[in-house]
């Protein structure tokens, strides 16, 4: 799953708009939109930390650090 989709999921889970997240983070709303739409996928470490802090998740989650392991566990549970 792309980082933008994870950002959108966490933002929606919190029930906040892109505009509200941008206000809290101190960045422009179009930047958030570009990430969520997949037009941007690279970011600085500082921006990644800022997203994680304001979305209430870890940087590992946002970058998909353990995605392969989660997919394997889900497949094993179904089997």
C-alpha atoms as a PDB file:
ATOM      1  CA  UNK A   1       0.000   0.000   0.000  1.00  0.00           C
ATOM      2  CA  UNK A   2       1.443   3.408  -0.940  1.00  0.00           C
ATOM      3  CA  UNK A   3       2.348   5.935   1.735  1.00  0.00           C
ATOM      4  CA  UNK A   4      -0.382   8.298   0.517  1.00  0.00           C
ATOM      5  CA  UNK A   5      -3.044   5.683   1.118  1.00  0.00           C
ATOM      6  CA  UNK A   6      -1.764   5.145   4.653  1.00  0.00           C
ATOM      7  CA  UNK A   7      -1.855   8.896   5.267  1.00  0.00           C
ATOM      8  CA  UNK A   8      -5.454   9.056   4.013  1.00  0.00           C
ATOM      9  CA  UNK A   9      -6.509   6.058   6.134  1.00  0.00           C
ATOM     10  CA  UNK A  10      -5.060   7.509   9.316  1.00  0.00           C
ATOM     11  CA  UNK A  11      -6.501  10.954   8.596  1.00  0.00           C
ATOM     12  CA  UNK A  12      -9.953   9.491   7.964  1.00  0.00           C
ATOM     13  CA  UNK A  13      -9.668   7.338  11.096  1.00  0.00           C
ATOM     14  CA  UNK A  14      -9.126  10.555  13.064  1.00  0.00           C
ATOM     15  CA  UNK A  15     -12.039  12.195  11.259  1.00  0.00           C
ATOM     16  CA  UNK A  16     -10.097  15.250  10.128  1.00  0.00           C
ATOM     17  CA  UNK A  17      -9.946  16.955   6.751  1.00  0.00           C
ATOM     18  CA  UNK A  18      -6.858  17.563   4.676  1.00  0.00           C
ATOM     19  CA  UNK A  19      -7.233  21.254   5.473  1.00  0.00           C
ATOM     20  CA  UNK A  20      -7.295  20.574   9.230  1.00  0.00           C
ATOM     21  CA  UNK A  21      -4.286  18.257   9.020  1.00  0.00           C
ATOM     22  CA  UNK A  22      -2.381  20.838   7.001  1.00  0.00           C
ATOM     23  CA  UNK A  23      -3.191  23.510   9.594  1.00  0.00           C
ATOM     24  CA  UNK A  24      -1.995  21.287  12.438  1.00  0.00           C
ATOM     25  CA  UNK A  25       1.171  20.282  10.594  1.00  0.00           C
ATOM     26  CA  UNK A  26       2.003  23.723   9.269  1.00  0.00           C
ATOM     27  CA  UNK A  27       2.144  22.665   5.610  1.00  0.00           C
ATOM     28  CA  UNK A  28      -0.078  23.450   2.648  1.00  0.00           C
ATOM     29  CA  UNK A  29      -3.188  21.385   1.951  1.00  0.00           C
ATOM     30  CA  UNK A  30      -2.141  20.693  -1.669  1.00  0.00           C
ATOM     31  CA  UNK A  31       0.978  18.910  -0.365  1.00  0.00           C
ATOM     32  CA  UNK A  32      -1.207  16.506   1.620  1.00  0.00           C
ATOM     33  CA  UNK A  33      -3.505  16.050  -1.370  1.00  0.00           C
ATOM     34  CA  UNK A  34      -0.536  15.273  -3.629  1.00  0.00           C
ATOM     35  CA  UNK A  35       0.716  12.593  -1.232  1.00  0.00           C
ATOM     36  CA  UNK A  36      -2.725  11.027  -0.864  1.00  0.00           C
ATOM     37  CA  UNK A  37      -3.240  10.955  -4.644  1.00  0.00           C
ATOM     38  CA  UNK A  38       0.179   9.418  -5.227  1.00  0.00           C
ATOM     39  CA  UNK A  39       1.594  12.431  -7.051  1.00  0.00           C
ATOM     40  CA  UNK A  40       4.302  12.642  -4.387  1.00  0.00           C
ATOM     41  CA  UNK A  41       5.866   9.723  -2.605  1.00  0.00           C
ATOM     42  CA  UNK A  42       9.240  10.950  -1.381  1.00  0.00           C
ATOM     43  CA  UNK A  43       9.579  13.103   1.720  1.00  0.00           C
ATOM     44  CA  UNK A  44      12.139  14.246   4.217  1.00  0.00           C
ATOM     45  CA  UNK A  45      12.571  12.476   7.518  1.00  0.00           C
ATOM     46  CA  UNK A  46      11.274  15.581   9.285  1.00  0.00           C
ATOM     47  CA  UNK A  47       8.069  15.594   7.213  1.00  0.00           C
ATOM     48  CA  UNK A  48       7.582  11.855   7.768  1.00  0.00           C
ATOM     49  CA  UNK A  49       7.900  12.371  11.526  1.00  0.00           C
ATOM     50  CA  UNK A  50       5.485  15.306  11.344  1.00  0.00           C
ATOM     51  CA  UNK A  51       2.892  13.147   9.559  1.00  0.00           C
ATOM     52  CA  UNK A  52       3.308  10.313  12.072  1.00  0.00           C
ATOM     53  CA  UNK A  53       3.014  12.648  15.058  1.00  0.00           C
ATOM     54  CA  UNK A  54      -0.136  14.339  13.803  1.00  0.00           C
ATOM     55  CA  UNK A  55      -1.738  11.119  12.547  1.00  0.00           C
ATOM     56  CA  UNK A  56      -1.078   9.180  15.750  1.00  0.00           C
ATOM     57  CA  UNK A  57       0.912   6.394  14.113  1.00  0.00           C
ATOM     58  CA  UNK A  58       4.508   5.346  13.658  1.00  0.00           C
ATOM     59  CA  UNK A  59       6.838   6.227  10.830  1.00  0.00           C
ATOM     60  CA  UNK A  60       7.244   2.476  10.301  1.00  0.00           C
ATOM     61  CA  UNK A  61       3.514   2.192   9.572  1.00  0.00           C
ATOM     62  CA  UNK A  62       3.581   5.069   7.095  1.00  0.00           C
ATOM     63  CA  UNK A  63       6.469   3.641   5.077  1.00  0.00           C
ATOM     64  CA  UNK A  64       5.065   0.090   5.183  1.00  0.00           C
ATOM     65  CA  UNK A  65       8.001  -1.313   7.117  1.00  0.00           C
ATOM     66  CA  UNK A  66       6.207  -4.495   8.137  1.00  0.00           C
ATOM     67  CA  UNK A  67       3.658  -4.751   5.335  1.00  0.00           C
ATOM     68  CA  UNK A  68       5.106  -7.975   3.917  1.00  0.00           C
ATOM     69  CA  UNK A  69       5.039  -9.609   7.353  1.00  0.00           C
ATOM     70  CA  UNK A  70       1.424  -8.492   7.928  1.00  0.00           C
ATOM     71  CA  UNK A  71       0.367  -9.890   4.537  1.00  0.00           C
ATOM     72  CA  UNK A  72       2.009 -13.229   5.326  1.00  0.00           C
ATOM     73  CA  UNK A  73       0.306 -13.400   8.731  1.00  0.00           C
ATOM     74  CA  UNK A  74      -3.077 -12.533   7.207  1.00  0.00           C
ATOM     75  CA  UNK A  75      -2.657 -15.201   4.514  1.00  0.00           C
ATOM     76  CA  UNK A  76      -1.677 -17.796   7.118  1.00  0.00           C
ATOM     77  CA  UNK A  77      -4.707 -16.966   9.271  1.00  0.00           C
ATOM     78  CA  UNK A  78      -7.059 -17.451   6.304  1.00  0.00           C
ATOM     79  CA  UNK A  79      -5.482 -20.751   5.249  1.00  0.00           C
END
